């Protein structure tokens, strides 16, 4: 049985709290605990306020129907929630729940003190769920990951290699290939005379006409 007094610490409407707790008491699952309950307070008429309850497993949205005779309950688990927030306004605060899929769930006119505590309780439960889910995912990944295979490393014994009894082959000396000297053939007389004639012409000791005439004579005598 849920004790009502612990949910009246922040000026919640006692009638609304009593009515909601009476229904929630039958809806909580095994090991599920109700942590905080906020009651809407409209600035004008507040006869049938909405309520938001945070438990260790989900958020409950409690909306009166049929002039307060009945009440509609909607719950959303922490697994389906992306984030929670609240926004303070002139008249109370907005409590905002962002689901993983679908539109945001916004409840207005939550008293500011209740909105802060509602947000704190919801945030802590959401973070605890994410941490537990992350740990479970890591453990599942570890269980499905095959163990690493150790590759044996061969150990080479260098004692024998350093022993004086081991002969280390010495590479044979490389004999350079014999170099065959290049011998130039001596120039013949005609080539020598043409070279000398060209030298005289390059030094401008004879004219071009003389050079051509002498060149013709030498070639004719070849």
C-alpha atoms as a PDB file:
ATOM      1  CA  UNK A   1       0.000   0.000   0.000  1.00  0.00           C
ATOM      2  CA  UNK A   2       1.389   3.403  -1.003  1.00  0.00           C
ATOM      3  CA  UNK A   3       1.492   5.985   1.799  1.00  0.00           C
ATOM      4  CA  UNK A   4      -0.047   9.270   0.660  1.00  0.00           C
ATOM      5  CA  UNK A   5       1.844  11.586   3.034  1.00  0.00           C
ATOM      6  CA  UNK A   6       5.163  11.333   1.200  1.00  0.00           C
ATOM      7  CA  UNK A   7       3.531  12.740  -1.957  1.00  0.00           C
ATOM      8  CA  UNK A   8       2.071  15.837  -0.276  1.00  0.00           C
ATOM      9  CA  UNK A   9       5.387  17.512   0.608  1.00  0.00           C
ATOM     10  CA  UNK A  10       5.189  20.195  -2.126  1.00  0.00           C
ATOM     11  CA  UNK A  11       1.578  21.379  -1.760  1.00  0.00           C
ATOM     12  CA  UNK A  12       0.091  18.773  -4.097  1.00  0.00           C
ATOM     13  CA  UNK A  13      -3.716  18.635  -4.133  1.00  0.00           C
ATOM     14  CA  UNK A  14      -4.555  15.921  -1.530  1.00  0.00           C
ATOM     15  CA  UNK A  15      -7.745  14.804  -3.302  1.00  0.00           C
ATOM     16  CA  UNK A  16      -5.987  14.430  -6.638  1.00  0.00           C
ATOM     17  CA  UNK A  17      -3.091  12.547  -5.057  1.00  0.00           C
ATOM     18  CA  UNK A  18      -5.406  10.205  -3.173  1.00  0.00           C
ATOM     19  CA  UNK A  19      -7.407   9.400  -6.303  1.00  0.00           C
ATOM     20  CA  UNK A  20      -4.307   8.775  -8.446  1.00  0.00           C
ATOM     21  CA  UNK A  21      -2.477   6.684  -5.860  1.00  0.00           C
ATOM     22  CA  UNK A  22      -5.503   4.485  -5.437  1.00  0.00           C
ATOM     23  CA  UNK A  23      -5.315   3.595  -9.132  1.00  0.00           C
ATOM     24  CA  UNK A  24      -1.522   3.414  -9.410  1.00  0.00           C
ATOM     25  CA  UNK A  25      -1.260   1.038  -6.488  1.00  0.00           C
ATOM     26  CA  UNK A  26      -2.829  -1.677  -8.659  1.00  0.00           C
ATOM     27  CA  UNK A  27      -0.796  -0.773 -11.750  1.00  0.00           C
ATOM     28  CA  UNK A  28       2.729  -1.000 -10.343  1.00  0.00           C
ATOM     29  CA  UNK A  29       4.602  -4.143 -11.331  1.00  0.00           C
ATOM     30  CA  UNK A  30       6.767  -6.314  -9.109  1.00  0.00           C
ATOM     31  CA  UNK A  31       9.731  -4.403  -7.614  1.00  0.00           C
ATOM     32  CA  UNK A  32       8.435  -1.150  -9.128  1.00  0.00           C
ATOM     33  CA  UNK A  33       8.481   1.835  -6.764  1.00  0.00           C
ATOM     34  CA  UNK A  34       6.736   5.180  -7.106  1.00  0.00           C
ATOM     35  CA  UNK A  35       9.252   7.997  -6.581  1.00  0.00           C
ATOM     36  CA  UNK A  36       7.484  11.323  -7.112  1.00  0.00           C
ATOM     37  CA  UNK A  37       4.072  12.674  -8.083  1.00  0.00           C
ATOM     38  CA  UNK A  38       3.322  16.168  -9.398  1.00  0.00           C
ATOM     39  CA  UNK A  39      -0.167  17.666  -9.639  1.00  0.00           C
ATOM     40  CA  UNK A  40      -1.169  20.289 -12.183  1.00  0.00           C
ATOM     41  CA  UNK A  41      -2.360  23.664 -10.866  1.00  0.00           C
ATOM     42  CA  UNK A  42      -4.143  25.860 -13.410  1.00  0.00           C
ATOM     43  CA  UNK A  43      -4.265  29.598 -12.724  1.00  0.00           C
ATOM     44  CA  UNK A  44      -8.079  29.820 -12.786  1.00  0.00           C
ATOM     45  CA  UNK A  45     -10.220  26.746 -12.212  1.00  0.00           C
ATOM     46  CA  UNK A  46      -8.293  23.695 -11.040  1.00  0.00           C
ATOM     47  CA  UNK A  47     -11.062  21.200 -10.254  1.00  0.00           C
ATOM     48  CA  UNK A  48      -9.747  18.297 -12.350  1.00  0.00           C
ATOM     49  CA  UNK A  49      -5.930  18.578 -12.506  1.00  0.00           C
ATOM     50  CA  UNK A  50      -3.699  16.242 -14.488  1.00  0.00           C
ATOM     51  CA  UNK A  51      -1.011  14.350 -12.599  1.00  0.00           C
ATOM     52  CA  UNK A  52       2.428  13.011 -13.542  1.00  0.00           C
ATOM     53  CA  UNK A  53       4.013  10.187 -11.566  1.00  0.00           C
ATOM     54  CA  UNK A  54       7.589   8.920 -11.853  1.00  0.00           C
ATOM     55  CA  UNK A  55       8.434   5.352 -10.915  1.00  0.00           C
ATOM     56  CA  UNK A  56      11.574   3.266 -11.186  1.00  0.00           C
ATOM     57  CA  UNK A  57      10.353   1.815 -14.499  1.00  0.00           C
ATOM     58  CA  UNK A  58       8.274   4.507 -16.257  1.00  0.00           C
ATOM     59  CA  UNK A  59       6.367   7.795 -16.265  1.00  0.00           C
ATOM     60  CA  UNK A  60       2.608   7.781 -15.696  1.00  0.00           C
ATOM     61  CA  UNK A  61       0.335  10.453 -17.175  1.00  0.00           C
ATOM     62  CA  UNK A  62      -2.984  10.611 -15.279  1.00  0.00           C
ATOM     63  CA  UNK A  63      -5.798  12.619 -16.928  1.00  0.00           C
ATOM     64  CA  UNK A  64      -9.294  12.890 -15.386  1.00  0.00           C
ATOM     65  CA  UNK A  65     -12.209  12.040 -17.695  1.00  0.00           C
ATOM     66  CA  UNK A  66     -16.034  12.094 -17.535  1.00  0.00           C
ATOM     67  CA  UNK A  67     -16.068  15.094 -15.193  1.00  0.00           C
ATOM     68  CA  UNK A  68     -13.676  13.390 -12.801  1.00  0.00           C
ATOM     69  CA  UNK A  69     -15.643  10.169 -12.501  1.00  0.00           C
ATOM     70  CA  UNK A  70     -12.974   8.183 -14.331  1.00  0.00           C
ATOM     71  CA  UNK A  71      -9.301   8.691 -15.109  1.00  0.00           C
ATOM     72  CA  UNK A  72      -7.225   7.868 -18.152  1.00  0.00           C
ATOM     73  CA  UNK A  73      -3.710   6.521 -17.581  1.00  0.00           C
ATOM     74  CA  UNK A  74      -0.886   6.545 -20.095  1.00  0.00           C
ATOM     75  CA  UNK A  75       2.572   5.277 -19.268  1.00  0.00           C
ATOM     76  CA  UNK A  76       5.859   5.394 -21.136  1.00  0.00           C
ATOM     77  CA  UNK A  77       8.842   3.249 -20.143  1.00  0.00           C
ATOM     78  CA  UNK A  78      12.374   4.584 -19.758  1.00  0.00           C
ATOM     79  CA  UNK A  79      13.404   2.498 -22.745  1.00  0.00           C
ATOM     80  CA  UNK A  80      11.060   4.559 -24.935  1.00  0.00           C
ATOM     81  CA  UNK A  81      12.204   7.966 -23.603  1.00  0.00           C
ATOM     82  CA  UNK A  82      15.003   9.956 -25.222  1.00  0.00           C
ATOM     83  CA  UNK A  83      15.169  12.827 -22.735  1.00  0.00           C
ATOM     84  CA  UNK A  84      13.171  14.915 -20.255  1.00  0.00           C
ATOM     85  CA  UNK A  85      13.169  18.652 -19.510  1.00  0.00           C
ATOM     86  CA  UNK A  86      11.091  21.422 -17.986  1.00  0.00           C
ATOM     87  CA  UNK A  87      10.553  25.092 -18.708  1.00  0.00           C
ATOM     88  CA  UNK A  88       9.484  27.640 -16.118  1.00  0.00           C
ATOM     89  CA  UNK A  89       6.846  30.156 -17.191  1.00  0.00           C
ATOM     90  CA  UNK A  90       4.730  32.876 -15.624  1.00  0.00           C
ATOM     91  CA  UNK A  91       2.161  30.396 -14.323  1.00  0.00           C
ATOM     92  CA  UNK A  92       4.003  27.268 -13.279  1.00  0.00           C
ATOM     93  CA  UNK A  93       6.201  25.186 -15.573  1.00  0.00           C
ATOM     94  CA  UNK A  94       5.987  22.911 -18.575  1.00  0.00           C
ATOM     95  CA  UNK A  95       7.230  19.364 -18.120  1.00  0.00           C
ATOM     96  CA  UNK A  96       8.462  17.952 -21.441  1.00  0.00           C
ATOM     97  CA  UNK A  97       9.058  14.292 -22.247  1.00  0.00           C
ATOM     98  CA  UNK A  98      10.820  13.539 -25.546  1.00  0.00           C
ATOM     99  CA  UNK A  99      10.102   9.945 -26.670  1.00  0.00           C
ATOM    100  CA  UNK A 100      12.348   7.933 -28.955  1.00  0.00           C
ATOM    101  CA  UNK A 101       9.582   8.030 -31.568  1.00  0.00           C
ATOM    102  CA  UNK A 102       6.589  10.297 -31.960  1.00  0.00           C
ATOM    103  CA  UNK A 103       5.702  13.764 -30.699  1.00  0.00           C
ATOM    104  CA  UNK A 104       6.809  15.351 -27.437  1.00  0.00           C
ATOM    105  CA  UNK A 105       4.506  14.966 -24.435  1.00  0.00           C
ATOM    106  CA  UNK A 106       4.011  18.372 -22.793  1.00  0.00           C
ATOM    107  CA  UNK A 107       2.129  19.017 -19.550  1.00  0.00           C
ATOM    108  CA  UNK A 108       1.544  22.652 -18.553  1.00  0.00           C
ATOM    109  CA  UNK A 109       0.873  24.416 -15.249  1.00  0.00           C
ATOM    110  CA  UNK A 110       2.997  22.185 -13.052  1.00  0.00           C
ATOM    111  CA  UNK A 111       3.994  24.213  -9.945  1.00  0.00           C
ATOM    112  CA  UNK A 112       7.631  25.259 -10.266  1.00  0.00           C
ATOM    113  CA  UNK A 113       8.879  23.440  -7.165  1.00  0.00           C
ATOM    114  CA  UNK A 114       7.092  20.264  -8.218  1.00  0.00           C
ATOM    115  CA  UNK A 115       8.399  20.626 -11.789  1.00  0.00           C
ATOM    116  CA  UNK A 116      11.996  20.787 -10.544  1.00  0.00           C
ATOM    117  CA  UNK A 117      11.633  17.718  -8.351  1.00  0.00           C
ATOM    118  CA  UNK A 118       9.686  15.891 -11.058  1.00  0.00           C
ATOM    119  CA  UNK A 119      12.472  16.604 -13.534  1.00  0.00           C
ATOM    120  CA  UNK A 120      15.166  15.547 -11.051  1.00  0.00           C
ATOM    121  CA  UNK A 121      13.451  12.235 -10.328  1.00  0.00           C
ATOM    122  CA  UNK A 122      12.782  11.525 -14.006  1.00  0.00           C
ATOM    123  CA  UNK A 123      16.307  12.495 -15.076  1.00  0.00           C
ATOM    124  CA  UNK A 124      17.970  10.299 -12.446  1.00  0.00           C
ATOM    125  CA  UNK A 125      15.836   7.291 -13.367  1.00  0.00           C
ATOM    126  CA  UNK A 126      16.459   7.804 -17.085  1.00  0.00           C
ATOM    127  CA  UNK A 127      20.231   8.062 -16.606  1.00  0.00           C
ATOM    128  CA  UNK A 128      20.236   4.981 -14.371  1.00  0.00           C
ATOM    129  CA  UNK A 129      18.367   3.047 -17.057  1.00  0.00           C
ATOM    130  CA  UNK A 130      20.785   4.182 -19.795  1.00  0.00           C
ATOM    131  CA  UNK A 131      23.774   3.173 -17.679  1.00  0.00           C
ATOM    132  CA  UNK A 132      22.292  -0.239 -16.912  1.00  0.00           C
ATOM    133  CA  UNK A 133      21.377  -0.744 -20.577  1.00  0.00           C
ATOM    134  CA  UNK A 134      24.891   0.205 -21.678  1.00  0.00           C
ATOM    135  CA  UNK A 135      26.427  -2.255 -19.216  1.00  0.00           C
ATOM    136  CA  UNK A 136      24.098  -5.006 -20.455  1.00  0.00           C
ATOM    137  CA  UNK A 137      24.995  -4.277 -24.083  1.00  0.00           C
ATOM    138  CA  UNK A 138      28.724  -4.392 -23.309  1.00  0.00           C
ATOM    139  CA  UNK A 139      28.349  -7.688 -21.466  1.00  0.00           C
ATOM    140  CA  UNK A 140      26.371  -9.203 -24.335  1.00  0.00           C
ATOM    141  CA  UNK A 141      29.011  -8.041 -26.810  1.00  0.00           C
ATOM    142  CA  UNK A 142      31.734  -9.573 -24.639  1.00  0.00           C
ATOM    143  CA  UNK A 143      29.926 -12.911 -24.492  1.00  0.00           C
ATOM    144  CA  UNK A 144      29.528 -13.017 -28.281  1.00  0.00           C
ATOM    145  CA  UNK A 145      33.120 -11.981 -29.010  1.00  0.00           C
ATOM    146  CA  UNK A 146      35.416 -15.000 -29.577  1.00  0.00           C
ATOM    147  CA  UNK A 147      38.503 -15.095 -27.349  1.00  0.00           C
ATOM    148  CA  UNK A 148      41.724 -13.861 -28.838  1.00  0.00           C
ATOM    149  CA  UNK A 149      44.043 -16.588 -30.150  1.00  0.00           C
ATOM    150  CA  UNK A 150      47.614 -16.352 -28.887  1.00  0.00           C
ATOM    151  CA  UNK A 151      50.185 -16.958 -31.609  1.00  0.00           C
ATOM    152  CA  UNK A 152      53.311 -18.724 -30.237  1.00  0.00           C
ATOM    153  CA  UNK A 153      56.527 -16.826 -30.791  1.00  0.00           C
ATOM    154  CA  UNK A 154      59.572 -18.863 -31.816  1.00  0.00           C
ATOM    155  CA  UNK A 155      62.584 -18.251 -29.553  1.00  0.00           C
ATOM    156  CA  UNK A 156      65.932 -18.431 -31.319  1.00  0.00           C
ATOM    157  CA  UNK A 157      68.857 -19.698 -29.249  1.00  0.00           C
ATOM    158  CA  UNK A 158      71.796 -17.458 -30.079  1.00  0.00           C
ATOM    159  CA  UNK A 159      74.245 -19.299 -27.797  1.00  0.00           C
ATOM    160  CA  UNK A 160      75.451 -21.590 -30.548  1.00  0.00           C
ATOM    161  CA  UNK A 161      75.849 -18.717 -32.950  1.00  0.00           C
ATOM    162  CA  UNK A 162      78.144 -16.912 -30.475  1.00  0.00           C
ATOM    163  CA  UNK A 163      80.222 -20.033 -29.719  1.00  0.00           C
ATOM    164  CA  UNK A 164      83.847 -20.209 -30.915  1.00  0.00           C
ATOM    165  CA  UNK A 165      83.178 -23.688 -32.340  1.00  0.00           C
ATOM    166  CA  UNK A 166      80.802 -22.335 -34.964  1.00  0.00           C
ATOM    167  CA  UNK A 167      82.427 -21.353 -38.207  1.00  0.00           C
ATOM    168  CA  UNK A 168      80.862 -18.343 -39.863  1.00  0.00           C
ATOM    169  CA  UNK A 169      81.391 -18.442 -43.593  1.00  0.00           C
ATOM    170  CA  UNK A 170      83.299 -15.476 -44.967  1.00  0.00           C
ATOM    171  CA  UNK A 171      82.126 -14.265 -48.340  1.00  0.00           C
ATOM    172  CA  UNK A 172      84.682 -14.683 -51.077  1.00  0.00           C
ATOM    173  CA  UNK A 173      86.413 -11.592 -52.280  1.00  0.00           C
ATOM    174  CA  UNK A 174      84.977 -10.227 -55.430  1.00  0.00           C
ATOM    175  CA  UNK A 175      87.588  -9.853 -58.100  1.00  0.00           C
ATOM    176  CA  UNK A 176      86.910  -6.852 -60.275  1.00  0.00           C
ATOM    177  CA  UNK A 177      86.537  -7.623 -63.933  1.00  0.00           C
ATOM    178  CA  UNK A 178      89.577  -6.990 -65.982  1.00  0.00           C
ATOM    179  CA  UNK A 179      89.486  -3.586 -67.639  1.00  0.00           C
ATOM    180  CA  UNK A 180      90.437  -3.716 -71.246  1.00  0.00           C
ATOM    181  CA  UNK A 181      92.208  -0.473 -72.169  1.00  0.00           C
ATOM    182  CA  UNK A 182      90.793   1.369 -75.154  1.00  0.00           C
ATOM    183  CA  UNK A 183      93.430   2.081 -77.741  1.00  0.00           C
ATOM    184  CA  UNK A 184      92.784   4.730 -80.313  1.00  0.00           C
ATOM    185  CA  UNK A 185      94.009   4.120 -83.858  1.00  0.00           C
ATOM    186  CA  UNK A 186      96.564   6.690 -85.078  1.00  0.00           C
ATOM    187  CA  UNK A 187      95.181   9.308 -87.505  1.00  0.00           C
ATOM    188  CA  UNK A 188      96.174   8.916 -91.079  1.00  0.00           C
ATOM    189  CA  UNK A 189      98.047  11.698 -92.928  1.00  0.00           C
ATOM    190  CA  UNK A 190      95.004  12.996 -94.797  1.00  0.00           C
ATOM    191  CA  UNK A 191      92.954  13.374 -91.577  1.00  0.00           C
ATOM    192  CA  UNK A 192      95.877  15.077 -89.864  1.00  0.00           C
ATOM    193  CA  UNK A 193      96.299  17.559 -92.718  1.00  0.00           C
ATOM    194  CA  UNK A 194      92.545  18.389 -92.729  1.00  0.00           C
ATOM    195  CA  UNK A 195      92.611  18.933 -88.936  1.00  0.00           C
ATOM    196  CA  UNK A 196      95.566  21.309 -89.205  1.00  0.00           C
ATOM    197  CA  UNK A 197      93.898  23.159 -92.069  1.00  0.00           C
ATOM    198  CA  UNK A 198      90.718  23.604 -90.015  1.00  0.00           C
ATOM    199  CA  UNK A 199      92.786  24.893 -87.105  1.00  0.00           C
ATOM    200  CA  UNK A 200      94.370  27.548 -89.346  1.00  0.00           C
ATOM    201  CA  UNK A 201      90.950  28.605 -90.575  1.00  0.00           C
ATOM    202  CA  UNK A 202      89.470  28.748 -87.043  1.00  0.00           C
ATOM    203  CA  UNK A 203      92.335  31.006 -85.979  1.00  0.00           C
ATOM    204  CA  UNK A 204      91.623  33.213 -89.037  1.00  0.00           C
ATOM    205  CA  UNK A 205      95.137  32.693 -90.419  1.00  0.00           C
ATOM    206  CA  UNK A 206      93.700  31.860 -93.824  1.00  0.00           C
ATOM    207  CA  UNK A 207      90.605  33.052 -95.631  1.00  0.00           C
ATOM    208  CA  UNK A 208      87.610  30.895 -96.388  1.00  0.00           C
ATOM    209  CA  UNK A 209      88.529  30.763-100.066  1.00  0.00           C
ATOM    210  CA  UNK A 210      91.997  29.592 -99.187  1.00  0.00           C
ATOM    211  CA  UNK A 211      90.554  27.068 -96.752  1.00  0.00           C
ATOM    212  CA  UNK A 212      88.217  25.641 -99.391  1.00  0.00           C
ATOM    213  CA  UNK A 213      90.966  25.514-102.023  1.00  0.00           C
ATOM    214  CA  UNK A 214      93.451  23.748 -99.741  1.00  0.00           C
ATOM    215  CA  UNK A 215      90.741  21.366 -98.550  1.00  0.00           C
ATOM    216  CA  UNK A 216      89.941  20.446-102.166  1.00  0.00           C
ATOM    217  CA  UNK A 217      93.633  19.824-102.907  1.00  0.00           C
ATOM    218  CA  UNK A 218      93.996  17.538 -99.906  1.00  0.00           C
ATOM    219  CA  UNK A 219      90.893  15.527-100.793  1.00  0.00           C
ATOM    220  CA  UNK A 220      91.993  15.241-104.396  1.00  0.00           C
ATOM    221  CA  UNK A 221      95.289  13.754-103.306  1.00  0.00           C
ATOM    222  CA  UNK A 222      93.525  11.175-101.109  1.00  0.00           C
END
